[in-house]
N, C-alpha and C. Protein backbone atom coordinates (compact mmCIF):
# COMPACT_ATOMS: atom_id res chain seq x y z
N MET A 1 -164.05 30.75 220.69
CA MET A 1 -165.02 31.27 219.75
C MET A 1 -164.67 32.72 219.40
N GLN A 2 -164.60 32.99 218.12
CA GLN A 2 -164.23 34.31 217.66
C GLN A 2 -165.44 35.23 217.60
N GLN A 3 -165.25 36.49 217.99
CA GLN A 3 -166.34 37.44 217.95
C GLN A 3 -166.58 37.91 216.52
N GLU A 4 -167.83 38.18 216.20
CA GLU A 4 -168.13 38.71 214.88
C GLU A 4 -167.61 40.13 214.77
N PRO A 5 -167.30 40.59 213.55
CA PRO A 5 -166.70 41.91 213.37
C PRO A 5 -167.55 43.06 213.96
N ALA A 6 -168.85 43.02 213.79
CA ALA A 6 -169.71 44.09 214.32
C ALA A 6 -169.61 44.16 215.84
N ARG A 7 -169.52 43.01 216.48
CA ARG A 7 -169.42 42.97 217.94
C ARG A 7 -168.07 43.55 218.39
N LYS A 8 -167.00 43.21 217.66
CA LYS A 8 -165.68 43.76 217.99
C LYS A 8 -165.68 45.28 217.88
N ILE A 9 -166.32 45.79 216.84
CA ILE A 9 -166.39 47.23 216.65
C ILE A 9 -167.18 47.88 217.78
N ALA A 10 -168.31 47.28 218.15
CA ALA A 10 -169.13 47.81 219.25
C ALA A 10 -168.33 47.86 220.55
N ILE A 11 -167.57 46.83 220.81
CA ILE A 11 -166.74 46.78 222.02
C ILE A 11 -165.66 47.86 221.98
N GLU A 12 -165.01 48.03 220.84
CA GLU A 12 -163.97 49.05 220.70
C GLU A 12 -164.55 50.45 220.87
N ILE A 13 -165.68 50.71 220.24
CA ILE A 13 -166.34 52.01 220.39
C ILE A 13 -166.66 52.25 221.86
N GLY A 14 -167.17 51.23 222.51
CA GLY A 14 -167.52 51.35 223.93
C GLY A 14 -166.32 51.69 224.80
N LYS A 15 -165.21 51.00 224.55
CA LYS A 15 -163.99 51.27 225.33
C LYS A 15 -163.53 52.72 225.12
N ARG A 16 -163.52 53.13 223.88
CA ARG A 16 -163.05 54.47 223.55
C ARG A 16 -164.00 55.55 224.08
N LEU A 17 -165.30 55.26 224.03
CA LEU A 17 -166.27 56.20 224.56
C LEU A 17 -166.07 56.40 226.06
N ARG A 18 -165.85 55.31 226.76
CA ARG A 18 -165.61 55.40 228.21
C ARG A 18 -164.34 56.20 228.49
N ILE A 19 -163.28 55.95 227.72
CA ILE A 19 -162.02 56.70 227.88
C ILE A 19 -162.28 58.19 227.69
N ALA A 20 -162.96 58.53 226.61
CA ALA A 20 -163.23 59.95 226.31
C ALA A 20 -164.08 60.59 227.41
N ARG A 21 -165.08 59.86 227.87
CA ARG A 21 -165.96 60.39 228.92
C ARG A 21 -165.20 60.59 230.21
N GLU A 22 -164.41 59.61 230.60
CA GLU A 22 -163.65 59.72 231.85
C GLU A 22 -162.58 60.81 231.76
N GLU A 23 -161.96 60.98 230.60
CA GLU A 23 -160.99 62.06 230.43
C GLU A 23 -161.67 63.42 230.60
N SER A 24 -162.92 63.50 230.16
CA SER A 24 -163.68 64.75 230.25
C SER A 24 -164.32 64.94 231.62
N ARG A 25 -164.27 63.88 232.43
CA ARG A 25 -164.82 63.92 233.79
C ARG A 25 -166.30 64.29 233.80
N ILE A 26 -167.06 63.63 232.92
CA ILE A 26 -168.50 63.85 232.93
C ILE A 26 -169.21 62.50 233.04
N SER A 27 -170.41 62.55 233.53
CA SER A 27 -171.17 61.32 233.77
C SER A 27 -171.86 60.83 232.51
N GLN A 28 -172.31 59.59 232.56
CA GLN A 28 -173.08 59.04 231.46
C GLN A 28 -174.35 59.86 231.25
N LEU A 29 -174.94 60.31 232.34
CA LEU A 29 -176.15 61.12 232.25
C LEU A 29 -175.87 62.43 231.51
N GLN A 30 -174.76 63.08 231.83
CA GLN A 30 -174.40 64.32 231.17
C GLN A 30 -174.15 64.11 229.68
N VAL A 31 -173.51 63.01 229.33
CA VAL A 31 -173.28 62.70 227.92
C VAL A 31 -174.62 62.48 227.23
N GLY A 32 -175.48 61.70 227.87
CA GLY A 32 -176.79 61.42 227.29
C GLY A 32 -177.59 62.68 227.03
N VAL A 33 -177.61 63.58 228.01
CA VAL A 33 -178.33 64.84 227.85
C VAL A 33 -177.74 65.64 226.69
N ALA A 34 -176.43 65.67 226.59
CA ALA A 34 -175.75 66.44 225.54
C ALA A 34 -176.08 65.95 224.14
N VAL A 35 -176.30 64.64 223.98
CA VAL A 35 -176.56 64.10 222.64
C VAL A 35 -178.02 63.64 222.46
N GLY A 36 -178.84 63.85 223.49
CA GLY A 36 -180.26 63.58 223.36
C GLY A 36 -180.67 62.13 223.50
N ILE A 37 -179.96 61.38 224.34
CA ILE A 37 -180.32 59.99 224.60
C ILE A 37 -180.19 59.72 226.09
N SER A 38 -180.63 58.56 226.53
CA SER A 38 -180.60 58.25 227.96
C SER A 38 -179.21 57.79 228.40
N ASP A 39 -179.00 57.90 229.71
CA ASP A 39 -177.74 57.40 230.27
C ASP A 39 -177.65 55.88 230.12
N LYS A 40 -178.79 55.21 230.08
CA LYS A 40 -178.81 53.75 229.88
C LYS A 40 -178.29 53.40 228.49
N THR A 41 -178.62 54.24 227.52
CA THR A 41 -178.11 54.01 226.16
C THR A 41 -176.60 54.21 226.13
N ILE A 42 -176.12 55.26 226.81
CA ILE A 42 -174.67 55.48 226.89
C ILE A 42 -174.01 54.28 227.55
N SER A 43 -174.62 53.75 228.60
CA SER A 43 -174.09 52.56 229.27
C SER A 43 -174.04 51.39 228.29
N GLY A 44 -175.07 51.25 227.48
CA GLY A 44 -175.09 50.19 226.47
C GLY A 44 -173.98 50.35 225.45
N TYR A 45 -173.72 51.60 225.05
CA TYR A 45 -172.61 51.86 224.12
C TYR A 45 -171.28 51.47 224.77
N GLU A 46 -171.08 51.94 226.00
CA GLU A 46 -169.80 51.71 226.68
C GLU A 46 -169.54 50.24 226.94
N SER A 47 -170.58 49.47 227.19
CA SER A 47 -170.40 48.04 227.45
C SER A 47 -170.25 47.24 226.17
N GLY A 48 -170.54 47.86 225.03
CA GLY A 48 -170.45 47.15 223.75
C GLY A 48 -171.69 46.33 223.44
N ARG A 49 -172.74 46.47 224.26
CA ARG A 49 -173.99 45.74 223.99
C ARG A 49 -174.67 46.27 222.74
N ILE A 50 -174.56 47.59 222.54
CA ILE A 50 -175.15 48.21 221.35
C ILE A 50 -174.15 49.19 220.76
N SER A 51 -174.30 49.44 219.47
CA SER A 51 -173.43 50.40 218.78
C SER A 51 -174.22 51.67 218.52
N PRO A 52 -173.57 52.82 218.67
CA PRO A 52 -174.28 54.06 218.36
C PRO A 52 -174.50 54.20 216.86
N PRO A 53 -175.66 54.72 216.46
CA PRO A 53 -175.83 55.03 215.04
C PRO A 53 -174.85 56.14 214.65
N ILE A 54 -174.58 56.26 213.39
CA ILE A 54 -173.54 57.19 212.92
C ILE A 54 -173.81 58.62 213.35
N ASP A 55 -175.07 59.06 213.36
CA ASP A 55 -175.35 60.44 213.76
C ASP A 55 -175.00 60.67 215.23
N LYS A 56 -175.22 59.68 216.07
CA LYS A 56 -174.86 59.81 217.49
C LYS A 56 -173.34 59.74 217.66
N LEU A 57 -172.69 58.91 216.86
CA LEU A 57 -171.23 58.82 216.92
C LEU A 57 -170.61 60.17 216.54
N VAL A 58 -171.17 60.82 215.54
CA VAL A 58 -170.70 62.15 215.14
C VAL A 58 -170.90 63.14 216.29
N GLN A 59 -172.07 63.09 216.94
CA GLN A 59 -172.32 63.99 218.07
C GLN A 59 -171.35 63.72 219.22
N LEU A 60 -171.08 62.46 219.48
CA LEU A 60 -170.15 62.10 220.55
C LEU A 60 -168.74 62.59 220.22
N ALA A 61 -168.34 62.43 218.96
CA ALA A 61 -167.01 62.90 218.54
C ALA A 61 -166.91 64.41 218.72
N ASP A 62 -167.97 65.13 218.35
CA ASP A 62 -167.98 66.58 218.52
C ASP A 62 -167.93 66.96 220.00
N LEU A 63 -168.72 66.26 220.80
CA LEU A 63 -168.77 66.53 222.23
C LEU A 63 -167.39 66.39 222.88
N PHE A 64 -166.69 65.32 222.53
CA PHE A 64 -165.39 65.05 223.14
C PHE A 64 -164.22 65.62 222.34
N LYS A 65 -164.53 66.30 221.25
CA LYS A 65 -163.50 66.91 220.39
C LYS A 65 -162.47 65.87 219.95
N LYS A 66 -162.99 64.77 219.45
CA LYS A 66 -162.14 63.69 218.96
C LYS A 66 -162.63 63.29 217.56
N PRO A 67 -161.71 62.85 216.72
CA PRO A 67 -162.16 62.37 215.40
C PRO A 67 -162.91 61.04 215.55
N ILE A 68 -163.81 60.78 214.65
CA ILE A 68 -164.57 59.52 214.71
C ILE A 68 -163.61 58.34 214.69
N THR A 69 -162.51 58.47 214.00
CA THR A 69 -161.55 57.36 213.94
C THR A 69 -161.02 56.98 215.31
N PHE A 70 -161.02 57.92 216.26
CA PHE A 70 -160.60 57.61 217.63
C PHE A 70 -161.50 56.51 218.19
N PHE A 71 -162.80 56.62 217.97
CA PHE A 71 -163.75 55.66 218.51
C PHE A 71 -163.68 54.32 217.78
N LEU A 72 -163.16 54.33 216.58
CA LEU A 72 -163.08 53.10 215.79
C LEU A 72 -161.76 52.37 215.97
N GLY A 73 -160.87 52.93 216.80
CA GLY A 73 -159.65 52.20 217.13
C GLY A 73 -158.37 52.77 216.58
N ALA A 74 -158.39 54.03 216.11
CA ALA A 74 -157.14 54.63 215.64
C ALA A 74 -156.16 54.72 216.80
N ASP A 75 -154.91 54.69 216.50
CA ASP A 75 -153.86 54.74 217.52
C ASP A 75 -153.94 56.06 218.29
N PRO A 76 -154.10 56.00 219.61
CA PRO A 76 -154.21 57.23 220.41
C PRO A 76 -153.01 58.17 220.27
N LYS A 77 -151.83 57.62 220.00
CA LYS A 77 -150.65 58.47 219.82
C LYS A 77 -150.84 59.36 218.60
N ASP A 78 -151.37 58.79 217.51
CA ASP A 78 -151.63 59.59 216.32
C ASP A 78 -152.65 60.66 216.62
N TYR A 79 -153.64 60.29 217.41
CA TYR A 79 -154.69 61.25 217.75
C TYR A 79 -154.12 62.40 218.56
N ARG A 80 -153.27 62.12 219.52
CA ARG A 80 -152.73 63.18 220.38
C ARG A 80 -152.00 64.24 219.55
N VAL A 81 -151.24 63.80 218.57
CA VAL A 81 -150.52 64.75 217.74
C VAL A 81 -151.51 65.58 216.93
N SER A 82 -152.47 64.95 216.31
CA SER A 82 -153.43 65.69 215.50
C SER A 82 -154.29 66.59 216.38
N SER A 83 -154.58 66.14 217.59
CA SER A 83 -155.36 66.96 218.52
C SER A 83 -154.60 68.21 218.90
N ARG A 84 -153.33 68.08 219.16
CA ARG A 84 -152.51 69.24 219.51
C ARG A 84 -152.42 70.21 218.34
N LEU A 85 -152.25 69.67 217.14
CA LEU A 85 -152.20 70.52 215.96
C LEU A 85 -153.51 71.27 215.77
N ARG A 86 -154.61 70.58 215.99
CA ARG A 86 -155.93 71.22 215.86
C ARG A 86 -156.08 72.33 216.91
N ALA A 87 -155.61 72.08 218.11
CA ALA A 87 -155.69 73.10 219.16
C ALA A 87 -154.88 74.33 218.78
N VAL A 88 -153.70 74.12 218.20
CA VAL A 88 -152.86 75.24 217.76
C VAL A 88 -153.57 76.00 216.64
N GLU A 89 -154.15 75.27 215.70
CA GLU A 89 -154.88 75.91 214.60
C GLU A 89 -156.03 76.76 215.14
N MET A 90 -156.75 76.24 216.12
CA MET A 90 -157.86 76.98 216.70
C MET A 90 -157.37 78.23 217.41
N SER A 91 -156.25 78.12 218.12
CA SER A 91 -155.68 79.28 218.82
C SER A 91 -155.24 80.34 217.82
N LEU A 92 -154.61 79.90 216.74
CA LEU A 92 -154.18 80.85 215.72
C LEU A 92 -155.36 81.55 215.07
N LYS A 93 -156.43 80.82 214.86
CA LYS A 93 -157.65 81.41 214.29
C LYS A 93 -158.21 82.48 215.23
N GLU A 94 -158.23 82.19 216.54
CA GLU A 94 -158.71 83.16 217.52
C GLU A 94 -157.82 84.41 217.53
N ILE A 95 -156.52 84.21 217.46
CA ILE A 95 -155.58 85.34 217.44
C ILE A 95 -155.82 86.18 216.20
N LYS A 96 -156.02 85.54 215.07
CA LYS A 96 -156.26 86.26 213.82
C LYS A 96 -157.54 87.10 213.93
N GLU A 97 -158.58 86.50 214.53
CA GLU A 97 -159.84 87.24 214.71
C GLU A 97 -159.64 88.44 215.62
N GLN A 98 -158.86 88.26 216.69
CA GLN A 98 -158.60 89.36 217.62
C GLN A 98 -157.80 90.47 216.94
N LEU A 99 -156.83 90.09 216.13
CA LEU A 99 -156.03 91.08 215.41
C LEU A 99 -156.90 91.85 214.41
N THR A 100 -157.82 91.17 213.78
CA THR A 100 -158.74 91.83 212.85
C THR A 100 -159.60 92.84 213.59
N GLN A 101 -160.09 92.47 214.77
CA GLN A 101 -160.89 93.39 215.58
C GLN A 101 -160.06 94.60 216.02
N ILE A 102 -158.84 94.36 216.43
CA ILE A 102 -157.96 95.46 216.84
C ILE A 102 -157.72 96.40 215.66
N LYS A 103 -157.51 95.84 214.49
CA LYS A 103 -157.28 96.65 213.30
C LYS A 103 -158.50 97.51 213.00
N LEU A 104 -159.68 96.91 213.09
CA LEU A 104 -160.90 97.68 212.83
C LEU A 104 -161.07 98.80 213.85
N ILE A 105 -160.82 98.50 215.10
CA ILE A 105 -160.94 99.52 216.15
C ILE A 105 -159.93 100.64 215.93
N SER A 106 -158.71 100.28 215.53
CA SER A 106 -157.68 101.31 215.33
C SER A 106 -158.00 102.17 214.12
N GLN A 107 -158.71 101.65 213.15
CA GLN A 107 -159.12 102.46 211.99
C GLN A 107 -160.23 103.44 212.37
N ILE A 108 -161.06 103.04 213.32
CA ILE A 108 -162.18 103.89 213.74
C ILE A 108 -161.72 104.94 214.74
N THR A 109 -160.81 104.54 215.62
CA THR A 109 -160.36 105.37 216.73
C THR A 109 -158.96 105.89 216.45
N ASP A 110 -158.77 107.15 216.72
CA ASP A 110 -157.43 107.72 216.59
C ASP A 110 -156.66 107.38 217.86
N LEU A 111 -155.79 106.40 217.79
CA LEU A 111 -155.08 105.91 218.97
C LEU A 111 -153.92 106.81 219.39
N ASP A 112 -153.53 107.77 218.54
CA ASP A 112 -152.42 108.65 218.87
C ASP A 112 -152.83 109.78 219.82
N ASN A 113 -154.10 110.00 219.99
CA ASN A 113 -154.56 111.08 220.86
C ASN A 113 -155.03 110.58 222.18
């Protein structure tokens, strides 16, 4: 017997959610608190019994710093590359902000004295 498409999606989301949670080393309770739902609901998501509504899926993606497509079954190898690129972009942004602060401080303060 073939599973209906919605059920397959719920199961895939559940598998990916569990992977993301375990990689982050946090409990179902901690995830639930972070997104405003019970740990039982997180358990339901992970088992594929229920699917998260889109707003909760967005919150989960933000929590685990993963694109929504990760939860829908995108190839993890593709995700790893994009994740690393995003991390580099974020680091560069922080460096740029720090350089801007240093520039402002150097304009205010005479560093030669």
